[in-house]
Amino acid sequence: MFNKKQLFPLLILAYVFSADCRRSPQEILETAAKNPSIIDKLDLGLGKMGQIPPVLFTFPNLKWLDLRMNELTSLPENTGDWSSLEYLNIYGNDIDKLPDSFQKLPKLKFFFAGNNDFETIPLQLIGTPIEAVYLDSNKIIFNEADVDTVLKITHLEVLDLARNRKIESMPKNLSSLASHPKLRMIIFKETGLKPSQVEAARKLLPKLKLEF
């Protein structure tokens, strides 16, 4: 139990923290822009921005960017200019495709794109060093073309397709994923697949973990 002397500074810290959490993306970016070279992380989630402001491309060392739930319908054509980016979160927007420049991201490893409007696994992931892709709660069917795309994302280790309700069968070329150099897990939780279909897929791909 805290006494009054101990509790007071804790309350002050809680107030400062909560006040900071209420800052708008505009306020966060205005502060960050004063020293752009030292910024490596920006959390702009829940900001209702609607579009990406140009100032976001003025941070040369930006590695971690959270844009979740910002009412975005697209990413800018110059997305590939985020040359230091390793982590990108666009969860909970209305994006259905990626700009071609996405392929030029030289360091991207983690991509969180759940709860958007993707119907296929984006071709623009090919050529990136990406290791984990989260496309849960989208509109993906997971067909033969998607398997071909996954095969070309050569550094991919984890693919999350959970809650894509339109996935109701396994692609005919699923077994080709056995030749993928890095892939070790695909998540199919809460899709339209039946347990028997997943079990059959596990026999085809014994070295790949299929979560269901």
N, C-alpha and C. Protein backbone atom coordinates (compact mmCIF):
# COMPACT_ATOMS: atom_id res chain seq x y z
N MET A 1 0.85 -1.19 0.00
CA MET A 1 0.00 0.00 0.00
C MET A 1 0.89 1.25 0.00
N PHE A 2 0.60 2.21 -0.90
CA PHE A 2 1.37 3.45 -0.95
C PHE A 2 0.85 4.43 0.08
N ASN A 3 1.79 5.17 0.73
CA ASN A 3 1.34 6.27 1.58
C ASN A 3 1.17 7.51 0.72
N LYS A 4 0.71 8.63 1.31
CA LYS A 4 0.40 9.84 0.53
C LYS A 4 1.64 10.41 -0.16
N LYS A 5 2.77 10.36 0.53
CA LYS A 5 3.99 10.90 -0.06
C LYS A 5 4.43 10.10 -1.28
N GLN A 6 4.22 8.78 -1.22
CA GLN A 6 4.60 7.93 -2.35
C GLN A 6 3.59 8.06 -3.49
N LEU A 7 2.34 8.21 -3.14
CA LEU A 7 1.27 8.21 -4.13
C LEU A 7 1.27 9.48 -4.98
N PHE A 8 1.62 10.63 -4.37
CA PHE A 8 1.54 11.90 -5.10
C PHE A 8 2.40 11.92 -6.36
N PRO A 9 3.70 11.56 -6.29
CA PRO A 9 4.49 11.57 -7.53
C PRO A 9 4.01 10.57 -8.56
N LEU A 10 3.43 9.46 -8.09
CA LEU A 10 2.90 8.47 -9.03
C LEU A 10 1.71 9.05 -9.79
N LEU A 11 0.88 9.81 -9.08
CA LEU A 11 -0.28 10.45 -9.72
C LEU A 11 0.18 11.49 -10.74
N ILE A 12 1.24 12.22 -10.41
CA ILE A 12 1.78 13.22 -11.34
C ILE A 12 2.28 12.53 -12.60
N LEU A 13 3.01 11.42 -12.43
CA LEU A 13 3.52 10.68 -13.58
C LEU A 13 2.38 10.15 -14.43
N ALA A 14 1.33 9.64 -13.79
CA ALA A 14 0.18 9.11 -14.51
C ALA A 14 -0.50 10.21 -15.32
N TYR A 15 -0.58 11.41 -14.74
CA TYR A 15 -1.21 12.54 -15.43
C TYR A 15 -0.39 12.92 -16.66
N VAL A 16 0.92 13.02 -16.48
CA VAL A 16 1.79 13.40 -17.61
C VAL A 16 1.70 12.37 -18.72
N PHE A 17 1.73 11.10 -18.32
CA PHE A 17 1.67 10.03 -19.32
C PHE A 17 0.35 10.07 -20.09
N SER A 18 -0.77 10.25 -19.36
CA SER A 18 -2.07 10.25 -20.01
C SER A 18 -2.22 11.48 -20.90
N ALA A 19 -1.65 12.60 -20.47
CA ALA A 19 -1.72 13.81 -21.29
C ALA A 19 -0.95 13.61 -22.58
N ASP A 20 0.23 12.94 -22.47
CA ASP A 20 1.04 12.69 -23.66
C ASP A 20 0.32 11.77 -24.62
N CYS A 21 -0.41 10.77 -24.07
CA CYS A 21 -1.13 9.82 -24.90
C CYS A 21 -2.25 10.49 -25.69
N ARG A 22 -2.73 11.63 -25.23
CA ARG A 22 -3.82 12.31 -25.90
C ARG A 22 -3.34 13.25 -27.01
N ARG A 23 -2.03 13.35 -27.18
CA ARG A 23 -1.51 14.24 -28.21
C ARG A 23 -1.94 13.76 -29.60
N SER A 24 -2.26 14.69 -30.46
CA SER A 24 -2.67 14.35 -31.82
C SER A 24 -1.44 14.03 -32.65
N PRO A 25 -1.62 13.34 -33.79
CA PRO A 25 -0.49 13.08 -34.68
C PRO A 25 0.21 14.37 -35.11
N GLN A 26 -0.58 15.43 -35.32
CA GLN A 26 0.01 16.70 -35.73
C GLN A 26 0.97 17.24 -34.67
N GLU A 27 0.55 17.13 -33.39
CA GLU A 27 1.40 17.61 -32.30
C GLU A 27 2.66 16.76 -32.19
N ILE A 28 2.49 15.45 -32.32
CA ILE A 28 3.65 14.54 -32.23
C ILE A 28 4.65 14.85 -33.35
N LEU A 29 4.13 15.03 -34.56
CA LEU A 29 5.01 15.29 -35.70
C LEU A 29 5.68 16.66 -35.62
N GLU A 30 4.97 17.63 -35.11
CA GLU A 30 5.56 18.97 -34.95
C GLU A 30 6.74 18.93 -33.99
N THR A 31 6.58 18.18 -32.90
CA THR A 31 7.66 18.04 -31.94
C THR A 31 8.82 17.27 -32.54
N ALA A 32 8.51 16.15 -33.22
CA ALA A 32 9.55 15.30 -33.81
C ALA A 32 10.33 16.04 -34.89
N ALA A 33 9.65 16.90 -35.64
CA ALA A 33 10.29 17.60 -36.76
C ALA A 33 11.37 18.58 -36.31
N LYS A 34 11.41 18.90 -35.03
CA LYS A 34 12.42 19.84 -34.53
C LYS A 34 13.81 19.20 -34.52
N ASN A 35 13.84 17.86 -34.39
CA ASN A 35 15.11 17.12 -34.42
C ASN A 35 14.91 15.83 -35.22
N PRO A 36 14.67 15.93 -36.52
CA PRO A 36 14.29 14.77 -37.33
C PRO A 36 15.32 13.64 -37.36
N SER A 37 16.59 13.97 -37.26
CA SER A 37 17.62 12.94 -37.39
C SER A 37 17.68 11.99 -36.19
N ILE A 38 17.14 12.40 -35.03
CA ILE A 38 17.21 11.53 -33.85
C ILE A 38 15.95 10.67 -33.70
N ILE A 39 14.97 10.86 -34.57
CA ILE A 39 13.71 10.12 -34.46
C ILE A 39 13.83 8.76 -35.14
N ASP A 40 13.64 7.69 -34.36
CA ASP A 40 13.66 6.35 -34.95
C ASP A 40 12.34 5.60 -34.71
N LYS A 41 11.43 6.21 -33.95
CA LYS A 41 10.15 5.55 -33.65
C LYS A 41 9.04 6.59 -33.59
N LEU A 42 7.92 6.31 -34.26
CA LEU A 42 6.75 7.20 -34.20
C LEU A 42 5.48 6.37 -34.04
N ASP A 43 4.74 6.64 -32.98
CA ASP A 43 3.45 5.99 -32.76
C ASP A 43 2.36 7.00 -33.05
N LEU A 44 1.74 6.85 -34.22
CA LEU A 44 0.67 7.75 -34.65
C LEU A 44 -0.66 7.02 -34.73
N GLY A 45 -0.76 5.91 -34.02
CA GLY A 45 -1.97 5.11 -34.04
C GLY A 45 -3.18 5.85 -33.48
N LEU A 46 -4.36 5.50 -33.98
CA LEU A 46 -5.63 6.04 -33.51
C LEU A 46 -5.74 7.55 -33.76
N GLY A 47 -5.05 8.03 -34.79
CA GLY A 47 -5.01 9.47 -35.02
C GLY A 47 -6.01 10.03 -36.00
N LYS A 48 -6.74 9.14 -36.71
CA LYS A 48 -7.74 9.58 -37.69
C LYS A 48 -7.16 10.58 -38.70
N MET A 49 -5.97 10.30 -39.19
CA MET A 49 -5.30 11.23 -40.09
C MET A 49 -5.94 11.27 -41.48
N GLY A 50 -6.41 10.13 -41.97
CA GLY A 50 -7.02 10.10 -43.30
C GLY A 50 -6.02 9.98 -44.43
N GLN A 51 -4.85 10.57 -44.27
CA GLN A 51 -3.79 10.45 -45.26
C GLN A 51 -2.43 10.68 -44.59
N ILE A 52 -1.37 10.25 -45.28
CA ILE A 52 -0.04 10.37 -44.71
C ILE A 52 0.52 11.77 -44.99
N PRO A 53 0.88 12.54 -43.97
CA PRO A 53 1.44 13.88 -44.18
C PRO A 53 2.87 13.79 -44.72
N PRO A 54 3.25 14.69 -45.62
CA PRO A 54 4.61 14.68 -46.20
C PRO A 54 5.73 14.72 -45.17
N VAL A 55 5.48 15.33 -44.02
CA VAL A 55 6.53 15.44 -43.01
C VAL A 55 7.02 14.08 -42.55
N LEU A 56 6.22 13.04 -42.72
CA LEU A 56 6.62 11.71 -42.29
C LEU A 56 7.80 11.16 -43.08
N PHE A 57 8.14 11.81 -44.18
CA PHE A 57 9.27 11.37 -45.00
C PHE A 57 10.51 12.21 -44.74
N THR A 58 10.52 12.94 -43.64
CA THR A 58 11.67 13.79 -43.31
C THR A 58 12.49 13.24 -42.15
N PHE A 59 12.22 11.98 -41.76
CA PHE A 59 12.95 11.36 -40.65
C PHE A 59 13.84 10.25 -41.21
N PRO A 60 15.11 10.54 -41.49
CA PRO A 60 15.99 9.59 -42.19
C PRO A 60 16.29 8.31 -41.43
N ASN A 61 16.13 8.33 -40.12
CA ASN A 61 16.48 7.16 -39.31
C ASN A 61 15.26 6.46 -38.72
N LEU A 62 14.09 6.72 -39.30
CA LEU A 62 12.85 6.13 -38.79
C LEU A 62 12.84 4.62 -39.03
N LYS A 63 12.77 3.85 -37.94
CA LYS A 63 12.78 2.39 -38.02
C LYS A 63 11.43 1.76 -37.67
N TRP A 64 10.65 2.45 -36.86
CA TRP A 64 9.42 1.88 -36.28
C TRP A 64 8.29 2.87 -36.48
N LEU A 65 7.25 2.47 -37.24
CA LEU A 65 6.16 3.39 -37.54
C LEU A 65 4.82 2.72 -37.34
N ASP A 66 4.00 3.29 -36.47
CA ASP A 66 2.67 2.76 -36.18
C ASP A 66 1.62 3.71 -36.73
N LEU A 67 0.86 3.22 -37.72
CA LEU A 67 -0.20 4.01 -38.35
C LEU A 67 -1.55 3.35 -38.19
N ARG A 68 -1.70 2.51 -37.19
CA ARG A 68 -2.93 1.73 -37.04
C ARG A 68 -4.14 2.64 -36.84
N MET A 69 -5.26 2.21 -37.41
CA MET A 69 -6.56 2.85 -37.21
C MET A 69 -6.50 4.36 -37.45
N ASN A 70 -6.14 4.72 -38.67
CA ASN A 70 -6.03 6.12 -39.04
C ASN A 70 -6.91 6.49 -40.23
N GLU A 71 -7.88 5.64 -40.55
CA GLU A 71 -8.81 5.91 -41.65
C GLU A 71 -8.08 6.10 -42.98
N LEU A 72 -7.00 5.35 -43.17
CA LEU A 72 -6.22 5.42 -44.40
C LEU A 72 -6.83 4.51 -45.46
N THR A 73 -6.86 4.96 -46.70
CA THR A 73 -7.32 4.13 -47.82
C THR A 73 -6.16 3.73 -48.73
N SER A 74 -4.99 4.33 -48.51
CA SER A 74 -3.81 4.00 -49.30
C SER A 74 -2.56 4.50 -48.62
N LEU A 75 -1.42 4.02 -49.09
CA LEU A 75 -0.13 4.53 -48.68
C LEU A 75 0.44 5.35 -49.84
N PRO A 76 1.26 6.36 -49.57
CA PRO A 76 1.79 7.22 -50.64
C PRO A 76 2.64 6.45 -51.64
N GLU A 77 2.73 6.99 -52.85
CA GLU A 77 3.53 6.36 -53.90
C GLU A 77 5.01 6.33 -53.53
N ASN A 78 5.44 7.24 -52.68
CA ASN A 78 6.85 7.27 -52.28
C ASN A 78 7.13 6.53 -50.98
N THR A 79 6.28 5.56 -50.65
CA THR A 79 6.47 4.78 -49.42
C THR A 79 7.87 4.16 -49.38
N GLY A 80 8.41 3.82 -50.54
CA GLY A 80 9.74 3.22 -50.59
C GLY A 80 10.85 4.13 -50.10
N ASP A 81 10.54 5.39 -49.86
CA ASP A 81 11.55 6.33 -49.36
C ASP A 81 11.86 6.14 -47.88
N TRP A 82 11.06 5.33 -47.19
CA TRP A 82 11.35 5.05 -45.78
C TRP A 82 12.50 4.04 -45.72
N SER A 83 13.68 4.49 -46.05
CA SER A 83 14.81 3.59 -46.28
C SER A 83 15.34 2.89 -45.03
N SER A 84 14.99 3.38 -43.85
CA SER A 84 15.48 2.75 -42.60
C SER A 84 14.40 1.93 -41.91
N LEU A 85 13.19 1.93 -42.46
CA LEU A 85 12.05 1.32 -41.77
C LEU A 85 12.18 -0.20 -41.65
N GLU A 86 11.97 -0.68 -40.41
CA GLU A 86 12.02 -2.12 -40.12
C GLU A 86 10.66 -2.66 -39.68
N TYR A 87 9.84 -1.81 -39.10
CA TYR A 87 8.55 -2.21 -38.54
C TYR A 87 7.49 -1.23 -39.03
N LEU A 88 6.43 -1.78 -39.64
CA LEU A 88 5.33 -0.93 -40.11
C LEU A 88 4.00 -1.56 -39.72
N ASN A 89 3.17 -0.78 -39.04
CA ASN A 89 1.85 -1.24 -38.60
C ASN A 89 0.78 -0.37 -39.23
N ILE A 90 -0.05 -0.97 -40.11
CA ILE A 90 -1.18 -0.24 -40.71
C ILE A 90 -2.50 -0.92 -40.34
N TYR A 91 -2.52 -1.62 -39.25
CA TYR A 91 -3.72 -2.34 -38.81
C TYR A 91 -4.95 -1.43 -38.73
N GLY A 92 -6.10 -1.97 -39.12
CA GLY A 92 -7.36 -1.28 -38.89
C GLY A 92 -7.61 -0.08 -39.78
N ASN A 93 -7.11 -0.11 -41.02
CA ASN A 93 -7.41 0.95 -41.97
C ASN A 93 -8.28 0.38 -43.09
N ASP A 94 -8.33 1.04 -44.22
CA ASP A 94 -9.16 0.58 -45.35
C ASP A 94 -8.31 0.44 -46.61
N ILE A 95 -7.12 -0.10 -46.44
CA ILE A 95 -6.17 -0.22 -47.54
C ILE A 95 -6.36 -1.56 -48.25
N ASP A 96 -6.39 -1.55 -49.59
CA ASP A 96 -6.57 -2.79 -50.34
C ASP A 96 -5.40 -3.11 -51.27
N LYS A 97 -4.43 -2.21 -51.35
CA LYS A 97 -3.24 -2.50 -52.16
C LYS A 97 -2.08 -1.64 -51.68
N LEU A 98 -0.87 -2.03 -52.08
CA LEU A 98 0.33 -1.30 -51.70
C LEU A 98 0.93 -0.63 -52.93
N PRO A 99 1.57 0.52 -52.75
CA PRO A 99 2.23 1.16 -53.88
C PRO A 99 3.43 0.34 -54.35
N ASP A 100 3.77 0.46 -55.62
CA ASP A 100 4.88 -0.33 -56.18
C ASP A 100 6.19 -0.05 -55.46
N SER A 101 6.37 1.17 -54.96
CA SER A 101 7.63 1.53 -54.31
C SER A 101 7.84 0.76 -53.01
N PHE A 102 6.80 0.11 -52.51
CA PHE A 102 6.92 -0.69 -51.29
C PHE A 102 8.03 -1.73 -51.45
N GLN A 103 8.20 -2.23 -52.67
CA GLN A 103 9.23 -3.24 -52.94
C GLN A 103 10.64 -2.72 -52.70
N LYS A 104 10.78 -1.40 -52.63
CA LYS A 104 12.10 -0.81 -52.48
C LYS A 104 12.52 -0.63 -51.02
N LEU A 105 11.63 -1.00 -50.09
CA LEU A 105 11.97 -0.86 -48.67
C LEU A 105 13.10 -1.84 -48.35
N PRO A 106 14.30 -1.36 -48.09
CA PRO A 106 15.46 -2.24 -47.99
C PRO A 106 15.65 -2.95 -46.66
N LYS A 107 14.91 -2.52 -45.62
CA LYS A 107 15.15 -3.08 -44.29
C LYS A 107 13.89 -3.60 -43.61
N LEU A 108 12.74 -3.51 -44.25
CA LEU A 108 11.48 -3.88 -43.60
C LEU A 108 11.45 -5.36 -43.24
N LYS A 109 11.15 -5.64 -41.97
CA LYS A 109 11.10 -7.02 -41.49
C LYS A 109 9.73 -7.42 -40.95
N PHE A 110 8.99 -6.48 -40.38
CA PHE A 110 7.69 -6.80 -39.77
C PHE A 110 6.61 -5.90 -40.35
N PHE A 111 5.56 -6.53 -40.87
CA PHE A 111 4.47 -5.78 -41.52
C PHE A 111 3.14 -6.24 -40.94
N PHE A 112 2.48 -5.33 -40.22
CA PHE A 112 1.19 -5.62 -39.60
C PHE A 112 0.10 -4.92 -40.42
N ALA A 113 -0.71 -5.71 -41.13
CA ALA A 113 -1.74 -5.14 -42.01
C ALA A 113 -3.09 -5.81 -41.79
N GLY A 114 -3.32 -6.26 -40.58
CA GLY A 114 -4.60 -6.88 -40.26
C GLY A 114 -5.76 -5.90 -40.34
N ASN A 115 -6.95 -6.45 -40.56
CA ASN A 115 -8.18 -5.65 -40.55
C ASN A 115 -8.14 -4.52 -41.58
N ASN A 116 -7.74 -4.87 -42.81
CA ASN A 116 -7.79 -3.95 -43.94
C ASN A 116 -8.65 -4.60 -45.02
N ASP A 117 -8.42 -4.28 -46.28
CA ASP A 117 -9.27 -4.78 -47.36
C ASP A 117 -8.49 -5.54 -48.43
N PHE A 118 -7.36 -6.14 -48.07
CA PHE A 118 -6.58 -6.90 -49.03
C PHE A 118 -7.32 -8.16 -49.45
N GLU A 119 -7.36 -8.41 -50.75
CA GLU A 119 -8.00 -9.61 -51.30
C GLU A 119 -6.97 -10.67 -51.69
N THR A 120 -5.73 -10.25 -51.82
CA THR A 120 -4.63 -11.17 -52.14
C THR A 120 -3.41 -10.78 -51.31
N ILE A 121 -2.44 -11.66 -51.26
CA ILE A 121 -1.18 -11.33 -50.61
C ILE A 121 -0.43 -10.37 -51.54
N PRO A 122 -0.12 -9.17 -51.10
CA PRO A 122 0.42 -8.14 -51.99
C PRO A 122 1.72 -8.56 -52.69
N LEU A 123 1.73 -8.40 -54.00
CA LEU A 123 2.94 -8.67 -54.78
C LEU A 123 4.08 -7.75 -54.38
N GLN A 124 3.73 -6.58 -53.84
CA GLN A 124 4.74 -5.59 -53.50
C GLN A 124 5.61 -6.01 -52.30
N LEU A 125 5.28 -7.14 -51.68
CA LEU A 125 6.13 -7.66 -50.61
C LEU A 125 7.35 -8.37 -51.18
N ILE A 126 7.26 -8.76 -52.45
CA ILE A 126 8.37 -9.43 -53.11
C ILE A 126 9.53 -8.46 -53.25
N GLY A 127 10.71 -8.92 -52.90
CA GLY A 127 11.89 -8.07 -53.01
C GLY A 127 12.29 -7.42 -51.71
N THR A 128 11.39 -7.42 -50.73
CA THR A 128 11.73 -6.88 -49.41
C THR A 128 12.35 -7.98 -48.55
N PRO A 129 13.09 -7.60 -47.50
CA PRO A 129 13.66 -8.61 -46.60
C PRO A 129 12.68 -9.03 -45.50
N ILE A 130 11.40 -8.88 -45.75
CA ILE A 130 10.38 -9.07 -44.73
C ILE A 130 10.38 -10.49 -44.17
N GLU A 131 10.22 -10.59 -42.85
CA GLU A 131 10.26 -11.88 -42.15
C GLU A 131 8.90 -12.30 -41.61
N ALA A 132 8.05 -11.34 -41.28
CA ALA A 132 6.74 -11.66 -40.69
C ALA A 132 5.68 -10.74 -41.29
N VAL A 133 4.61 -11.35 -41.83
CA VAL A 133 3.52 -10.60 -42.45
C VAL A 133 2.22 -10.99 -41.77
N TYR A 134 1.50 -10.00 -41.27
CA TYR A 134 0.23 -10.23 -40.58
C TYR A 134 -0.90 -9.63 -41.41
N LEU A 135 -1.66 -10.51 -42.06
CA LEU A 135 -2.79 -10.10 -42.91
C LEU A 135 -4.09 -10.67 -42.38
N ASP A 136 -4.20 -10.80 -41.09
CA ASP A 136 -5.40 -11.33 -40.45
C ASP A 136 -6.59 -10.39 -40.69
N SER A 137 -7.77 -10.96 -40.72
CA SER A 137 -9.02 -10.20 -40.84
C SER A 137 -9.07 -9.32 -42.09
N ASN A 138 -8.65 -9.87 -43.22
CA ASN A 138 -8.79 -9.19 -44.49
C ASN A 138 -9.82 -9.94 -45.34
N LYS A 139 -9.68 -9.89 -46.66
CA LYS A 139 -10.64 -10.54 -47.56
C LYS A 139 -9.93 -11.53 -48.48
N ILE A 140 -8.86 -12.12 -47.97
CA ILE A 140 -8.01 -12.99 -48.76
C ILE A 140 -8.65 -14.37 -48.95
N ILE A 141 -8.56 -14.90 -50.17
CA ILE A 141 -9.08 -16.24 -50.48
C ILE A 141 -7.98 -17.28 -50.33
N PHE A 142 -6.73 -16.90 -50.56
CA PHE A 142 -5.55 -17.77 -50.54
C PHE A 142 -5.64 -18.82 -51.65
N ASN A 143 -5.33 -18.35 -52.85
CA ASN A 143 -5.38 -19.23 -54.01
C ASN A 143 -3.98 -19.54 -54.52
N GLU A 144 -3.92 -20.15 -55.72
CA GLU A 144 -2.64 -20.57 -56.28
C GLU A 144 -1.70 -19.39 -56.50
N ALA A 145 -2.26 -18.25 -56.92
CA ALA A 145 -1.43 -17.06 -57.13
C ALA A 145 -0.81 -16.57 -55.83
N ASP A 146 -1.55 -16.69 -54.73
CA ASP A 146 -1.01 -16.29 -53.43
C ASP A 146 0.17 -17.17 -53.03
N VAL A 147 0.06 -18.46 -53.31
CA VAL A 147 1.18 -19.38 -53.01
C VAL A 147 2.40 -18.99 -53.81
N ASP A 148 2.20 -18.67 -55.09
CA ASP A 148 3.33 -18.23 -55.93
C ASP A 148 3.97 -16.97 -55.36
N THR A 149 3.15 -16.06 -54.85
CA THR A 149 3.68 -14.84 -54.24
C THR A 149 4.50 -15.15 -53.01
N VAL A 150 3.98 -16.02 -52.15
CA VAL A 150 4.70 -16.39 -50.92
C VAL A 150 6.05 -17.00 -51.25
N LEU A 151 6.10 -17.81 -52.29
CA LEU A 151 7.36 -18.44 -52.68
C LEU A 151 8.42 -17.42 -53.08
N LYS A 152 7.97 -16.27 -53.56
CA LYS A 152 8.90 -15.23 -54.01
C LYS A 152 9.29 -14.26 -52.89
N ILE A 153 8.62 -14.36 -51.74
CA ILE A 153 9.01 -13.54 -50.59
C ILE A 153 10.00 -14.39 -49.80
N THR A 154 11.23 -14.38 -50.24
CA THR A 154 12.19 -15.41 -49.84
C THR A 154 12.66 -15.36 -48.38
N HIS A 155 12.48 -14.23 -47.71
CA HIS A 155 12.90 -14.13 -46.30
C HIS A 155 11.74 -14.38 -45.33
N LEU A 156 10.56 -14.62 -45.86
CA LEU A 156 9.37 -14.76 -45.02
C LEU A 156 9.45 -15.99 -44.12
N GLU A 157 9.15 -15.77 -42.83
CA GLU A 157 9.13 -16.88 -41.87
C GLU A 157 7.73 -17.13 -41.32
N VAL A 158 6.97 -16.05 -41.09
CA VAL A 158 5.63 -16.18 -40.49
C VAL A 158 4.61 -15.43 -41.34
N LEU A 159 3.51 -16.13 -41.65
CA LEU A 159 2.40 -15.53 -42.41
C LEU A 159 1.11 -15.75 -41.63
N ASP A 160 0.48 -14.65 -41.23
CA ASP A 160 -0.76 -14.73 -40.46
C ASP A 160 -1.95 -14.42 -41.37
N LEU A 161 -2.80 -15.45 -41.59
CA LEU A 161 -4.00 -15.30 -42.41
C LEU A 161 -5.26 -15.58 -41.58
N ALA A 162 -5.15 -15.46 -40.28
CA ALA A 162 -6.28 -15.73 -39.39
C ALA A 162 -7.47 -14.82 -39.71
N ARG A 163 -8.66 -15.36 -39.51
CA ARG A 163 -9.91 -14.61 -39.66
C ARG A 163 -10.15 -14.04 -41.06
N ASN A 164 -9.51 -14.65 -42.05
CA ASN A 164 -9.88 -14.38 -43.45
C ASN A 164 -10.96 -15.41 -43.79
N ARG A 165 -12.20 -15.03 -43.60
CA ARG A 165 -13.31 -15.98 -43.68
C ARG A 165 -13.50 -16.58 -45.06
N LYS A 166 -12.93 -15.91 -46.09
CA LYS A 166 -13.11 -16.41 -47.45
C LYS A 166 -12.16 -17.56 -47.79
N ILE A 167 -11.24 -17.86 -46.90
CA ILE A 167 -10.37 -19.03 -47.13
C ILE A 167 -11.16 -20.28 -46.79
N GLU A 168 -11.60 -20.99 -47.81
CA GLU A 168 -12.45 -22.17 -47.61
C GLU A 168 -11.83 -23.45 -48.17
N SER A 169 -10.71 -23.32 -48.86
CA SER A 169 -10.02 -24.50 -49.38
C SER A 169 -8.54 -24.18 -49.53
N MET A 170 -7.73 -25.24 -49.62
CA MET A 170 -6.30 -25.06 -49.79
C MET A 170 -5.96 -25.01 -51.29
N PRO A 171 -5.01 -24.17 -51.68
CA PRO A 171 -4.61 -24.10 -53.10
C PRO A 171 -4.04 -25.44 -53.58
N LYS A 172 -4.21 -25.70 -54.86
CA LYS A 172 -3.73 -26.97 -55.42
C LYS A 172 -2.21 -27.07 -55.40
N ASN A 173 -1.55 -25.92 -55.41
CA ASN A 173 -0.08 -25.91 -55.42
C ASN A 173 0.52 -25.70 -54.03
N LEU A 174 -0.27 -25.96 -53.00
CA LEU A 174 0.18 -25.73 -51.62
C LEU A 174 1.48 -26.46 -51.31
N SER A 175 1.64 -27.67 -51.83
CA SER A 175 2.81 -28.48 -51.53
C SER A 175 4.12 -27.82 -51.97
N SER A 176 4.04 -26.88 -52.91
CA SER A 176 5.25 -26.21 -53.38
C SER A 176 5.89 -25.36 -52.29
N LEU A 177 5.12 -25.03 -51.25
CA LEU A 177 5.68 -24.25 -50.14
C LEU A 177 6.75 -25.02 -49.37
N ALA A 178 6.83 -26.31 -49.61
CA ALA A 178 7.87 -27.12 -48.96
C ALA A 178 9.26 -26.68 -49.40
N SER A 179 9.34 -26.04 -50.55
CA SER A 179 10.64 -25.59 -51.06
C SER A 179 10.99 -24.17 -50.63
N HIS A 180 10.11 -23.52 -49.87
CA HIS A 180 10.40 -22.16 -49.41
C HIS A 180 11.61 -22.20 -48.47
N PRO A 181 12.58 -21.30 -48.67
CA PRO A 181 13.81 -21.37 -47.88
C PRO A 181 13.67 -21.01 -46.40
N LYS A 182 12.66 -20.23 -46.02
CA LYS A 182 12.58 -19.76 -44.64
C LYS A 182 11.23 -20.00 -43.96
N LEU A 183 10.16 -20.12 -44.70
CA LEU A 183 8.82 -20.18 -44.11
C LEU A 183 8.69 -21.31 -43.10
N ARG A 184 8.18 -20.95 -41.91
CA ARG A 184 8.03 -21.97 -40.86
C ARG A 184 6.64 -22.00 -40.24
N MET A 185 5.81 -20.97 -40.50
CA MET A 185 4.48 -20.96 -39.89
C MET A 185 3.48 -20.19 -40.74
N ILE A 186 2.27 -20.78 -40.90
CA ILE A 186 1.13 -20.06 -41.47
C ILE A 186 -0.02 -20.22 -40.48
N ILE A 187 -0.70 -19.13 -40.17
CA ILE A 187 -1.79 -19.15 -39.20
C ILE A 187 -3.12 -19.09 -39.94
N PHE A 188 -3.96 -20.12 -39.72
CA PHE A 188 -5.26 -20.21 -40.38
C PHE A 188 -6.42 -20.17 -39.39
N LYS A 189 -6.21 -19.64 -38.21
CA LYS A 189 -7.25 -19.63 -37.19
C LYS A 189 -8.48 -18.85 -37.66
N GLU A 190 -9.64 -19.40 -37.36
CA GLU A 190 -10.93 -18.74 -37.63
C GLU A 190 -11.11 -18.36 -39.11
N THR A 191 -10.68 -19.26 -39.98
CA THR A 191 -10.96 -19.11 -41.41
C THR A 191 -12.12 -20.04 -41.75
N GLY A 192 -12.41 -20.17 -43.04
CA GLY A 192 -13.49 -21.07 -43.46
C GLY A 192 -13.03 -22.49 -43.70
N LEU A 193 -11.79 -22.79 -43.34
CA LEU A 193 -11.25 -24.14 -43.54
C LEU A 193 -11.83 -25.13 -42.53
N LYS A 194 -11.89 -26.39 -42.97
CA LYS A 194 -12.31 -27.47 -42.08
C LYS A 194 -11.09 -28.15 -41.48
N PRO A 195 -11.23 -28.74 -40.30
CA PRO A 195 -10.09 -29.42 -39.69
C PRO A 195 -9.46 -30.47 -40.60
N SER A 196 -10.28 -31.19 -41.36
CA SER A 196 -9.76 -32.23 -42.25
C SER A 196 -8.87 -31.63 -43.35
N GLN A 197 -9.20 -30.43 -43.81
CA GLN A 197 -8.40 -29.77 -44.83
C GLN A 197 -7.04 -29.36 -44.28
N VAL A 198 -7.03 -28.89 -43.05
CA VAL A 198 -5.77 -28.49 -42.43
C VAL A 198 -4.90 -29.71 -42.15
N GLU A 199 -5.51 -30.79 -41.70
CA GLU A 199 -4.75 -32.02 -41.44
C GLU A 199 -4.12 -32.55 -42.72
N ALA A 200 -4.85 -32.49 -43.81
CA ALA A 200 -4.31 -32.94 -45.10
C ALA A 200 -3.13 -32.06 -45.51
N ALA A 201 -3.26 -30.75 -45.25
CA ALA A 201 -2.18 -29.82 -45.58
C ALA A 201 -0.94 -30.09 -44.72
N ARG A 202 -1.15 -30.46 -43.47
CA ARG A 202 -0.03 -30.76 -42.58
C ARG A 202 0.76 -31.97 -43.05
N LYS A 203 0.07 -32.92 -43.65
CA LYS A 203 0.76 -34.11 -44.18
C LYS A 203 1.58 -33.74 -45.40
N LEU A 204 1.08 -32.77 -46.17
CA LEU A 204 1.83 -32.31 -47.35
C LEU A 204 3.06 -31.49 -46.96
N LEU A 205 2.95 -30.79 -45.82
CA LEU A 205 4.00 -29.87 -45.39
C LEU A 205 4.40 -30.18 -43.95
N PRO A 206 5.02 -31.33 -43.72
CA PRO A 206 5.34 -31.75 -42.34
C PRO A 206 6.31 -30.84 -41.59
N LYS A 207 7.12 -30.08 -42.31
CA LYS A 207 8.08 -29.21 -41.65
C LYS A 207 7.53 -27.80 -41.39
N LEU A 208 6.34 -27.56 -41.89
CA LEU A 208 5.71 -26.24 -41.74
C LEU A 208 4.63 -26.30 -40.66
N LYS A 209 4.65 -25.37 -39.73
CA LYS A 209 3.63 -25.33 -38.69
C LYS A 209 2.40 -24.58 -39.20
N LEU A 210 1.26 -25.28 -39.23
CA LEU A 210 0.00 -24.67 -39.64
C LEU A 210 -0.89 -24.55 -38.41
N GLU A 211 -1.08 -23.33 -37.94
CA GLU A 211 -1.92 -23.10 -36.76
C GLU A 211 -3.36 -22.96 -37.18
N PHE A 212 -4.24 -23.67 -36.48
CA PHE A 212 -5.65 -23.69 -36.85
C PHE A 212 -6.52 -23.70 -35.61
